[in-house]
Amino acid sequence: MTPEEETEFKRRRKSRNLVVGGTLLFFAVLFYAITIARIGG
């Protein structure tokens, strides 16, 4: 693997990890909001 390929691989892995982390955060906030709405209602 050349240094350029390794750099590209690391960049793609980092962006994919950010997408997965953002999705998990979104679902955590969504479940929290649904829980608060059900308790408050």
N, C-alpha and C. Protein backbone atom coordinates (compact mmCIF):
# COMPACT_ATOMS: atom_id res chain seq x y z
N MET A 1 0.86 -1.19 0.00
CA MET A 1 0.00 0.00 0.00
C MET A 1 0.90 1.24 0.00
N THR A 2 0.68 2.10 -0.95
CA THR A 2 1.49 3.31 -1.03
C THR A 2 1.05 4.32 0.02
N PRO A 3 1.92 5.27 0.34
CA PRO A 3 1.53 6.29 1.33
C PRO A 3 0.27 7.06 0.93
N GLU A 4 0.10 7.31 -0.38
CA GLU A 4 -1.10 8.03 -0.82
C GLU A 4 -2.35 7.19 -0.58
N GLU A 5 -2.27 5.89 -0.86
CA GLU A 5 -3.42 5.01 -0.64
C GLU A 5 -3.74 4.91 0.84
N GLU A 6 -2.70 4.86 1.67
CA GLU A 6 -2.92 4.77 3.11
C GLU A 6 -3.58 6.04 3.64
N THR A 7 -3.15 7.19 3.14
CA THR A 7 -3.75 8.45 3.56
C THR A 7 -5.23 8.51 3.16
N GLU A 8 -5.52 8.08 1.93
CA GLU A 8 -6.90 8.06 1.45
C GLU A 8 -7.75 7.10 2.28
N PHE A 9 -7.18 5.92 2.61
CA PHE A 9 -7.89 4.94 3.43
C PHE A 9 -8.23 5.51 4.80
N LYS A 10 -7.26 6.17 5.42
CA LYS A 10 -7.50 6.76 6.75
C LYS A 10 -8.55 7.87 6.68
N ARG A 11 -8.52 8.68 5.58
CA ARG A 11 -9.49 9.76 5.44
C ARG A 11 -10.90 9.20 5.30
N ARG A 12 -11.04 8.14 4.48
CA ARG A 12 -12.37 7.54 4.30
C ARG A 12 -12.87 6.90 5.59
N ARG A 13 -11.96 6.24 6.32
CA ARG A 13 -12.37 5.59 7.57
C ARG A 13 -12.82 6.64 8.58
N LYS A 14 -12.11 7.77 8.63
CA LYS A 14 -12.49 8.83 9.57
C LYS A 14 -13.85 9.41 9.22
N SER A 15 -14.10 9.64 7.93
CA SER A 15 -15.40 10.20 7.54
C SER A 15 -16.53 9.22 7.81
N ARG A 16 -16.27 7.93 7.58
CA ARG A 16 -17.29 6.91 7.85
C ARG A 16 -17.57 6.83 9.35
N ASN A 17 -16.52 6.93 10.18
CA ASN A 17 -16.72 6.91 11.63
C ASN A 17 -17.53 8.11 12.09
N LEU A 18 -17.31 9.27 11.47
CA LEU A 18 -18.09 10.45 11.84
C LEU A 18 -19.56 10.28 11.48
N VAL A 19 -19.83 9.67 10.34
CA VAL A 19 -21.22 9.43 9.93
C VAL A 19 -21.89 8.47 10.91
N VAL A 20 -21.21 7.38 11.27
CA VAL A 20 -21.77 6.41 12.21
C VAL A 20 -22.01 7.06 13.57
N GLY A 21 -21.05 7.84 14.04
CA GLY A 21 -21.20 8.54 15.32
C GLY A 21 -22.34 9.54 15.30
N GLY A 22 -22.48 10.26 14.20
CA GLY A 22 -23.58 11.21 14.08
C GLY A 22 -24.93 10.51 14.08
N THR A 23 -25.00 9.37 13.40
CA THR A 23 -26.25 8.60 13.37
C THR A 23 -26.60 8.10 14.77
N LEU A 24 -25.62 7.58 15.49
CA LEU A 24 -25.88 7.12 16.85
C LEU A 24 -26.33 8.26 17.75
N LEU A 25 -25.70 9.41 17.61
CA LEU A 25 -26.10 10.57 18.40
C LEU A 25 -27.52 11.00 18.06
N PHE A 26 -27.87 10.98 16.77
CA PHE A 26 -29.22 11.33 16.35
C PHE A 26 -30.24 10.41 16.99
N PHE A 27 -29.99 9.10 16.97
CA PHE A 27 -30.95 8.17 17.56
C PHE A 27 -31.04 8.32 19.07
N ALA A 28 -29.93 8.62 19.73
CA ALA A 28 -29.96 8.84 21.18
C ALA A 28 -30.83 10.05 21.51
N VAL A 29 -30.67 11.13 20.76
CA VAL A 29 -31.48 12.33 20.99
C VAL A 29 -32.94 12.06 20.66
N LEU A 30 -33.18 11.31 19.59
CA LEU A 30 -34.54 10.98 19.21
C LEU A 30 -35.26 10.18 20.30
N PHE A 31 -34.61 9.13 20.82
CA PHE A 31 -35.22 8.34 21.88
C PHE A 31 -35.43 9.15 23.14
N TYR A 32 -34.48 10.06 23.44
CA TYR A 32 -34.65 10.92 24.60
C TYR A 32 -35.86 11.83 24.44
N ALA A 33 -36.02 12.41 23.24
CA ALA A 33 -37.15 13.31 23.00
C ALA A 33 -38.48 12.54 23.06
N ILE A 34 -38.50 11.34 22.51
CA ILE A 34 -39.73 10.54 22.55
C ILE A 34 -40.08 10.18 24.00
N THR A 35 -39.07 9.83 24.79
CA THR A 35 -39.31 9.49 26.18
C THR A 35 -39.86 10.68 26.96
N ILE A 36 -39.26 11.84 26.77
CA ILE A 36 -39.74 13.05 27.45
C ILE A 36 -41.16 13.39 27.02
N ALA A 37 -41.46 13.23 25.74
CA ALA A 37 -42.81 13.53 25.25
C ALA A 37 -43.84 12.57 25.84
N ARG A 38 -43.46 11.30 25.97
CA ARG A 38 -44.42 10.32 26.52
C ARG A 38 -44.63 10.54 28.01
N ILE A 39 -43.59 10.88 28.75
CA ILE A 39 -43.73 11.12 30.18
C ILE A 39 -44.52 12.42 30.41
N GLY A 40 -44.22 13.44 29.65
CA GLY A 40 -44.89 14.73 29.81
C GLY A 40 -46.34 14.68 29.37
N GLY A 41 -46.65 13.80 28.45
CA GLY A 41 -48.03 13.75 27.94
C GLY A 41 -48.87 12.89 28.79
